[in-house]
PDB file of N, CA and C in Angstrom:
ATOM      1  N   MET A   1      13.360  36.871  97.665  1.00  0.00           N
ATOM      2  CA  MET A   1      12.986  35.664  97.357  1.00  0.00           C
ATOM      3  C   MET A   1      11.921  34.977  98.537  1.00  0.00           C
ATOM      4  N   VAL A   2      11.705  35.079  99.334  1.00  0.00           N
ATOM      5  CA  VAL A   2      10.343  34.522 100.015  1.00  0.00           C
ATOM      6  C   VAL A   2       9.186  34.834  99.669  1.00  0.00           C
ATOM      7  N   GLY A   3       8.534  33.948  99.410  1.00  0.00           N
ATOM      8  CA  GLY A   3       7.119  34.237  98.704  1.00  0.00           C
ATOM      9  C   GLY A   3       7.246  34.254  97.338  1.00  0.00           C
ATOM     10  N   ASP A   4       8.427  34.101  96.793  1.00  0.00           N
ATOM     11  CA  ASP A   4       8.531  33.581  95.268  1.00  0.00           C
ATOM     12  C   ASP A   4       7.879  32.591  94.928  1.00  0.00           C
ATOM     13  N   GLU A   5       7.344  32.431  93.755  1.00  0.00           N
ATOM     14  CA  GLU A   5       6.606  31.187  93.237  1.00  0.00           C
ATOM     15  C   GLU A   5       7.410  30.652  92.061  1.00  0.00           C
ATOM     16  N   ILE A   6       7.755  29.433  92.249  1.00  0.00           N
ATOM     17  CA  ILE A   6       8.564  28.442  91.196  1.00  0.00           C
ATOM     18  C   ILE A   6       7.647  27.337  90.812  1.00  0.00           C
ATOM     19  N   THR A   7       8.023  27.045  89.510  1.00  0.00           N
ATOM     20  CA  THR A   7       7.236  25.844  89.019  1.00  0.00           C
ATOM     21  C   THR A   7       8.493  24.879  88.735  1.00  0.00           C
ATOM     22  N   VAL A   8       8.410  23.593  89.080  1.00  0.00           N
ATOM     23  CA  VAL A   8       9.054  22.555  88.740  1.00  0.00           C
ATOM     24  C   VAL A   8       8.570  21.725  87.904  1.00  0.00           C
ATOM     25  N   THR A   9       9.358  21.081  86.760  1.00  0.00           N
ATOM     26  CA  THR A   9       8.649  20.200  86.022  1.00  0.00           C
ATOM     27  C   THR A   9       9.475  18.959  85.869  1.00  0.00           C
ATOM     28  N   VAL A  10       8.949  17.977  86.109  1.00  0.00           N
ATOM     29  CA  VAL A  10       9.585  16.668  85.551  1.00  0.00           C
ATOM     30  C   VAL A  10       9.209  16.116  84.381  1.00  0.00           C
ATOM     31  N   GLY A  11       9.970  15.824  83.277  1.00  0.00           N
ATOM     32  CA  GLY A  11       9.473  15.579  82.101  1.00  0.00           C
ATOM     33  C   GLY A  11       9.004  14.016  82.078  1.00  0.00           C
ATOM     34  N   ALA A  12       8.516  13.543  81.046  1.00  0.00           N
ATOM     35  CA  ALA A  12       7.867  12.235  80.467  1.00  0.00           C
ATOM     36  C   ALA A  12       8.979  11.529  80.447  1.00  0.00           C
ATOM     37  N   GLN A  13       8.595  10.164  80.975  1.00  0.00           N
ATOM     38  CA  GLN A  13       9.671   8.989  80.966  1.00  0.00           C
ATOM     39  C   GLN A  13       8.764   7.769  80.221  1.00  0.00           C
ATOM     40  N   THR A  14       9.607   7.292  79.247  1.00  0.00           N
ATOM     41  CA  THR A  14       8.867   6.354  78.151  1.00  0.00           C
ATOM     42  C   THR A  14       9.729   4.834  78.715  1.00  0.00           C
ATOM     43  N   PHE A  15       8.985   3.806  79.163  1.00  0.00           N
ATOM     44  CA  PHE A  15       9.648   2.548  79.595  1.00  0.00           C
ATOM     45  C   PHE A  15       9.351   1.442  78.358  1.00  0.00           C
ATOM     46  N   SER A  16       9.980   0.635  78.169  1.00  0.00           N
ATOM     47  CA  SER A  16       9.695  -0.413  77.147  1.00  0.00           C
ATOM     48  C   SER A  16      10.302  -1.694  77.736  1.00  0.00           C
ATOM     49  N   PRO A  17       9.594  -2.316  78.737  1.00  0.00           N
ATOM     50  CA  PRO A  17      10.073  -3.482  79.357  1.00  0.00           C
ATOM     51  C   PRO A  17       9.932  -4.889  78.799  1.00  0.00           C
ATOM     52  N   VAL A  18       9.188  -4.670  77.533  1.00  0.00           N
ATOM     53  CA  VAL A  18       8.787  -5.785  76.421  1.00  0.00           C
ATOM     54  C   VAL A  18       8.726  -5.050  75.181  1.00  0.00           C
ATOM     55  N   ARG A  19       9.570  -5.973  74.252  1.00  0.00           N
ATOM     56  CA  ARG A  19       9.786  -5.464  72.650  1.00  0.00           C
ATOM     57  C   ARG A  19       8.586  -4.992  72.295  1.00  0.00           C
ATOM     58  N   TYR A  20       8.657  -3.675  71.513  1.00  0.00           N
ATOM     59  CA  TYR A  20       7.640  -3.173  70.938  1.00  0.00           C
ATOM     60  C   TYR A  20       6.228  -2.672  71.703  1.00  0.00           C
ATOM     61  N   ASN A  21       6.578  -2.818  72.796  1.00  0.00           N
ATOM     62  CA  ASN A  21       5.486  -2.352  73.756  1.00  0.00           C
ATOM     63  C   ASN A  21       6.365  -1.315  74.907  1.00  0.00           C
ATOM     64  N   SER A  22       5.424  -0.400  75.100  1.00  0.00           N
ATOM     65  CA  SER A  22       6.152   0.504  76.204  1.00  0.00           C
ATOM     66  C   SER A  22       4.735   1.473  76.861  1.00  0.00           C
ATOM     67  N   PHE A  23       5.193   2.195  77.740  1.00  0.00           N
ATOM     68  CA  PHE A  23       4.073   3.075  78.615  1.00  0.00           C
ATOM     69  C   PHE A  23       4.934   3.877  79.096  1.00  0.00           C
ATOM     70  N   THR A  24       4.103   5.283  79.288  1.00  0.00           N
ATOM     71  CA  THR A  24       4.936   6.539  79.599  1.00  0.00           C
ATOM     72  C   THR A  24       4.419   6.941  81.026  1.00  0.00           C
ATOM     73  N   VAL A  25       5.226   7.777  81.791  1.00  0.00           N
ATOM     74  CA  VAL A  25       4.933   8.221  82.969  1.00  0.00           C
ATOM     75  C   VAL A  25       5.280   9.726  83.024  1.00  0.00           C
ATOM     76  N   GLY A  26       4.402  10.226  83.571  1.00  0.00           N
ATOM     77  CA  GLY A  26       4.596  11.844  83.337  1.00  0.00           C
ATOM     78  C   GLY A  26       4.330  12.924  81.947  1.00  0.00           C
ATOM     79  N   PRO A  27       4.370  13.942  81.928  1.00  0.00           N
ATOM     80  CA  PRO A  27       5.120  14.738  82.568  1.00  0.00           C
ATOM     81  C   PRO A  27       4.201  15.133  84.035  1.00  0.00           C
ATOM     82  N   PHE A  28       5.286  15.727  85.046  1.00  0.00           N
ATOM     83  CA  PHE A  28       4.367  16.021  86.123  1.00  0.00           C
ATOM     84  C   PHE A  28       5.061  17.428  86.536  1.00  0.00           C
ATOM     85  N   SER A  29       4.144  18.477  86.968  1.00  0.00           N
ATOM     86  CA  SER A  29       4.377  19.796  87.479  1.00  0.00           C
ATOM     87  C   SER A  29       3.962  20.318  88.638  1.00  0.00           C
ATOM     88  N   MET A  30       4.632  21.107  89.253  1.00  0.00           N
ATOM     89  CA  MET A  30       3.958  21.582  90.675  1.00  0.00           C
ATOM     90  C   MET A  30       4.565  23.240  90.870  1.00  0.00           C
ATOM     91  N   LYS A  31       3.671  23.955  91.256  1.00  0.00           N
ATOM     92  CA  LYS A  31       4.115  25.185  91.589  1.00  0.00           C
ATOM     93  C   LYS A  31       4.403  25.411  93.183  1.00  0.00           C
ATOM     94  N   THR A  32       5.444  25.874  93.595  1.00  0.00           N
ATOM     95  CA  THR A  32       5.418  26.102  95.101  1.00  0.00           C
ATOM     96  C   THR A  32       5.916  27.422  95.242  1.00  0.00           C
ATOM     97  N   ILE A  33       6.304  27.891  96.603  1.00  0.00           N
ATOM     98  CA  ILE A  33       6.732  29.126  97.167  1.00  0.00           C
ATOM     99  C   ILE A  33       7.652  28.881  97.989  1.00  0.00           C
ATOM    100  N   VAL A  34       8.731  29.944  97.655  1.00  0.00           N
ATOM    101  CA  VAL A  34       9.768  29.970  98.515  1.00  0.00           C
ATOM    102  C   VAL A  34       9.654  30.167  99.896  1.00  0.00           C
ATOM    103  N   LYS A  35       9.731  29.331 101.127  1.00  0.00           N
ATOM    104  CA  LYS A  35       9.403  29.415 102.374  1.00  0.00           C
ATOM    105  C   LYS A  35      10.357  30.404 103.159  1.00  0.00           C
ATOM    106  N   GLU A  36       9.866  30.859 104.564  1.00  0.00           N
ATOM    107  CA  GLU A  36      10.923  31.697 105.182  1.00  0.00           C
ATOM    108  C   GLU A  36      11.888  30.716 105.478  1.00  0.00           C
ATOM    109  N   ASN A  37      13.084  31.297 105.321  1.00  0.00           N
ATOM    110  CA  ASN A  37      14.560  30.678 105.699  1.00  0.00           C
ATOM    111  C   ASN A  37      14.876  29.314 104.663  1.00  0.00           C
ATOM    112  N   GLU A  38      14.185  29.408 103.396  1.00  0.00           N
ATOM    113  CA  GLU A  38      14.606  28.654 102.498  1.00  0.00           C
ATOM    114  C   GLU A  38      15.085  29.221 101.445  1.00  0.00           C
ATOM    115  N   THR A  39      16.163  28.741 100.585  1.00  0.00           N
ATOM    116  CA  THR A  39      16.769  29.552  99.419  1.00  0.00           C
ATOM    117  C   THR A  39      15.833  28.768  98.189  1.00  0.00           C
ATOM    118  N   LEU A  40      16.294  29.384  97.039  1.00  0.00           N
ATOM    119  CA  LEU A  40      15.648  28.876  95.688  1.00  0.00           C
ATOM    120  C   LEU A  40      15.945  27.679  95.609  1.00  0.00           C
ATOM    121  N   ASP A  41      17.292  27.492  95.641  1.00  0.00           N
ATOM    122  CA  ASP A  41      17.711  25.988  95.347  1.00  0.00           C
ATOM    123  C   ASP A  41      16.897  24.975  96.447  1.00  0.00           C
ATOM    124  N   GLU A  42      17.018  25.425  97.570  1.00  0.00           N
ATOM    125  CA  GLU A  42      16.119  24.411  98.563  1.00  0.00           C
ATOM    126  C   GLU A  42      14.547  24.250  98.165  1.00  0.00           C
ATOM    127  N   ALA A  43      14.058  25.408  97.606  1.00  0.00           N
ATOM    128  CA  ALA A  43      12.559  24.997  97.316  1.00  0.00           C
ATOM    129  C   ALA A  43      12.418  24.205  96.304  1.00  0.00           C
ATOM    130  N   PHE A  44      13.535  24.485  95.174  1.00  0.00           N
ATOM    131  CA  PHE A  44      13.677  23.473  94.010  1.00  0.00           C
ATOM    132  C   PHE A  44      13.869  22.034  94.690  1.00  0.00           C
ATOM    133  N   ALA A  45      14.558  21.534  95.531  1.00  0.00           N
ATOM    134  CA  ALA A  45      15.016  20.404  95.710  1.00  0.00           C
ATOM    135  C   ALA A  45      13.633  19.772  96.426  1.00  0.00           C
ATOM    136  N   ARG A  46      13.073  20.426  97.329  1.00  0.00           N
ATOM    137  CA  ARG A  46      11.955  19.949  97.943  1.00  0.00           C
ATOM    138  C   ARG A  46      10.560  19.743  96.939  1.00  0.00           C
ATOM    139  N   ALA A  47      10.331  20.530  95.813  1.00  0.00           N
ATOM    140  CA  ALA A  47       9.535  20.093  95.079  1.00  0.00           C
ATOM    141  C   ALA A  47       9.878  18.987  94.047  1.00  0.00           C
ATOM    142  N   HIS A  48      11.010  19.186  93.599  1.00  0.00           N
ATOM    143  CA  HIS A  48      11.787  17.940  92.845  1.00  0.00           C
ATOM    144  C   HIS A  48      11.430  16.814  93.617  1.00  0.00           C
ATOM    145  N   GLY A  49      11.789  16.659  94.669  1.00  0.00           N
ATOM    146  CA  GLY A  49      11.736  15.693  95.566  1.00  0.00           C
ATOM    147  C   GLY A  49      10.524  14.840  95.931  1.00  0.00           C
ATOM    148  N   TRP A  50       9.588  15.858  95.874  1.00  0.00           N
ATOM    149  CA  TRP A  50       8.081  15.513  95.891  1.00  0.00           C
ATOM    150  C   TRP A  50       7.636  15.062  94.490  1.00  0.00           C
ATOM    151  N   LEU A  51       7.897  15.580  93.557  1.00  0.00           N
ATOM    152  CA  LEU A  51       7.186  14.989  92.504  1.00  0.00           C
ATOM    153  C   LEU A  51       7.929  13.801  91.829  1.00  0.00           C
ATOM    154  N   MET A  52       9.355  13.602  92.095  1.00  0.00           N
ATOM    155  CA  MET A  52       9.789  12.155  91.886  1.00  0.00           C
ATOM    156  C   MET A  52       9.536  11.168  92.748  1.00  0.00           C
ATOM    157  N   ASN A  53       8.935  11.458  94.321  1.00  0.00           N
ATOM    158  CA  ASN A  53       8.570  10.502  94.910  1.00  0.00           C
ATOM    159  C   ASN A  53       7.156  10.038  94.109  1.00  0.00           C
ATOM    160  N   ARG A  54       6.375  11.011  93.861  1.00  0.00           N
ATOM    161  CA  ARG A  54       5.014  10.586  92.945  1.00  0.00           C
ATOM    162  C   ARG A  54       5.122  10.044  91.749  1.00  0.00           C
ATOM    163  N   ALA A  55       6.245  10.355  91.010  1.00  0.00           N
ATOM    164  CA  ALA A  55       6.620   9.748  89.636  1.00  0.00           C
ATOM    165  C   ALA A  55       7.156   8.193  90.038  1.00  0.00           C
ATOM    166  N   ARG A  56       7.585   8.273  90.763  1.00  0.00           N
ATOM    167  CA  ARG A  56       7.896   6.507  91.431  1.00  0.00           C
ATOM    168  C   ARG A  56       6.404   5.688  91.593  1.00  0.00           C
ATOM    169  N   GLU A  57       5.726   6.095  92.239  1.00  0.00           N
ATOM    170  CA  GLU A  57       4.336   5.570  92.560  1.00  0.00           C
ATOM    171  C   GLU A  57       3.758   5.496  91.309  1.00  0.00           C
ATOM    172  N   VAL A  58       3.425   6.531  90.512  1.00  0.00           N
ATOM    173  CA  VAL A  58       2.658   6.249  89.040  1.00  0.00           C
ATOM    174  C   VAL A  58       3.424   5.345  88.273  1.00  0.00           C
ATOM    175  N   TYR A  59       4.802   5.322  88.534  1.00  0.00           N
ATOM    176  CA  TYR A  59       5.582   4.407  87.640  1.00  0.00           C
ATOM    177  C   TYR A  59       5.129   2.833  88.074  1.00  0.00           C
ATOM    178  N   VAL A  60       5.067   2.763  89.287  1.00  0.00           N
ATOM    179  CA  VAL A  60       4.651   1.127  90.074  1.00  0.00           C
ATOM    180  C   VAL A  60       3.200   0.775  89.444  1.00  0.00           C
ATOM    181  N   ALA A  61       2.238   1.740  89.834  1.00  0.00           N
ATOM    182  CA  ALA A  61       1.140   1.863  89.337  1.00  0.00           C
ATOM    183  C   ALA A  61       0.906   1.269  87.873  1.00  0.00           C
ATOM    184  N   GLU A  62       1.586   2.204  87.001  1.00  0.00           N
ATOM    185  CA  GLU A  62       1.391   2.124  85.415  1.00  0.00           C
ATOM    186  C   GLU A  62       2.089   0.909  84.932  1.00  0.00           C
ATOM    187  N   ARG A  63       3.063   0.084  85.539  1.00  0.00           N
ATOM    188  CA  ARG A  63       3.830  -0.841  85.447  1.00  0.00           C
ATOM    189  C   ARG A  63       2.862  -2.054  85.480  1.00  0.00           C
ATOM    190  N   GLU A  64       1.951  -2.088  86.573  1.00  0.00           N
ATOM    191  CA  GLU A  64       1.150  -3.089  86.883  1.00  0.00           C
ATOM    192  C   GLU A  64       0.132  -3.219  85.861  1.00  0.00           C
ATOM    193  N   VAL A  65      -0.394  -2.089  85.362  1.00  0.00           N
ATOM    194  CA  VAL A  65      -1.140  -1.921  84.759  1.00  0.00           C
ATOM    195  C   VAL A  65      -0.641  -2.387  83.031  1.00  0.00           C
ATOM    196  N   PHE A  66       0.394  -2.092  82.645  1.00  0.00           N
ATOM    197  CA  PHE A  66       1.134  -2.671  81.683  1.00  0.00           C
ATOM    198  C   PHE A  66       1.106  -4.112  81.506  1.00  0.00           C
ATOM    199  N   TYR A  67       1.552  -4.431  82.536  1.00  0.00           N
ATOM    200  CA  TYR A  67       1.802  -6.158  82.591  1.00  0.00           C
ATOM    201  C   TYR A  67       0.662  -6.761  82.453  1.00  0.00           C
ATOM    202  N   ASN A  68      -0.651  -6.331  83.322  1.00  0.00           N
ATOM    203  CA  ASN A  68      -2.109  -6.996  83.287  1.00  0.00           C
ATOM    204  C   ASN A  68      -2.183  -7.275  81.592  1.00  0.00           C
ATOM    205  N   LYS A  69      -1.941  -5.688  80.933  1.00  0.00           N
ATOM    206  CA  LYS A  69      -2.745  -5.638  79.560  1.00  0.00           C
ATOM    207  C   LYS A  69      -1.811  -6.501  78.632  1.00  0.00           C
ATOM    208  N   ILE A  70      -0.390  -7.049  78.936  1.00  0.00           N
ATOM    209  CA  ILE A  70       0.515  -7.633  78.094  1.00  0.00           C
ATOM    210  C   ILE A  70      -0.037  -9.290  78.489  1.00  0.00           C
ATOM    211  N   GLU A  71      -0.420  -9.263  79.854  1.00  0.00           N
ATOM    212  CA  GLU A  71      -0.906 -10.710  80.048  1.00  0.00           C
ATOM    213  C   GLU A  71      -2.191 -11.178  79.580  1.00  0.00           C
ATOM    214  N   LYS A  72      -2.979 -10.314  79.287  1.00  0.00           N
ATOM    215  CA  LYS A  72      -4.217 -10.694  78.668  1.00  0.00           C
ATOM    216  C   LYS A  72      -4.209 -10.599  77.195  1.00  0.00           C
ATOM    217  N   THR A  73      -3.394  -9.974  76.598  1.00  0.00           N
ATOM    218  CA  THR A  73      -3.024  -9.775  75.222  1.00  0.00           C
ATOM    219  C   THR A  73      -2.455 -11.171  74.761  1.00  0.00           C
ATOM    220  N   ASN A  74      -1.700 -12.075  75.850  1.00  0.00           N
ATOM    221  CA  ASN A  74      -1.222 -13.289  75.275  1.00  0.00           C
ATOM    222  C   ASN A  74      -1.759 -14.253  75.719  1.00  0.00           C
ATOM    223  N   GLY A  75      -2.992 -14.242  76.035  1.00  0.00           N
ATOM    224  CA  GLY A  75      -4.033 -15.189  76.642  1.00  0.00           C
ATOM    225  C   GLY A  75      -3.659 -15.526  77.998  1.00  0.00           C
ATOM    226  N   GLY A  76      -3.106 -14.847  78.676  1.00  0.00           N
ATOM    227  CA  GLY A  76      -3.017 -15.232  80.217  1.00  0.00           C
ATOM    228  C   GLY A  76      -1.810 -16.324  80.461  1.00  0.00           C
ATOM    229  N   GLN A  77      -1.051 -16.425  79.468  1.00  0.00           N
ATOM    230  CA  GLN A  77       0.087 -17.138  79.299  1.00  0.00           C
ATOM    231  C   GLN A  77       1.348 -16.490  80.139  1.00  0.00           C
TER     232      GLN A  77
END
């Protein structure tokens, strides 16, 4: 198991905070290697946690872009 490579993927999520408008975050994938004294489940949890943290960061950035576009479309109202 040590040294085995695994790939973890978090699928795309679509958010629709405003009717008829949406934005998508993801998908994200990463490869990692099972470390010394680590189980496959622990390696998966480590990679998944890292991906979910990045997904949250991307979500915040994309949400900001989304609302800025909506504001411009509505004439800054």
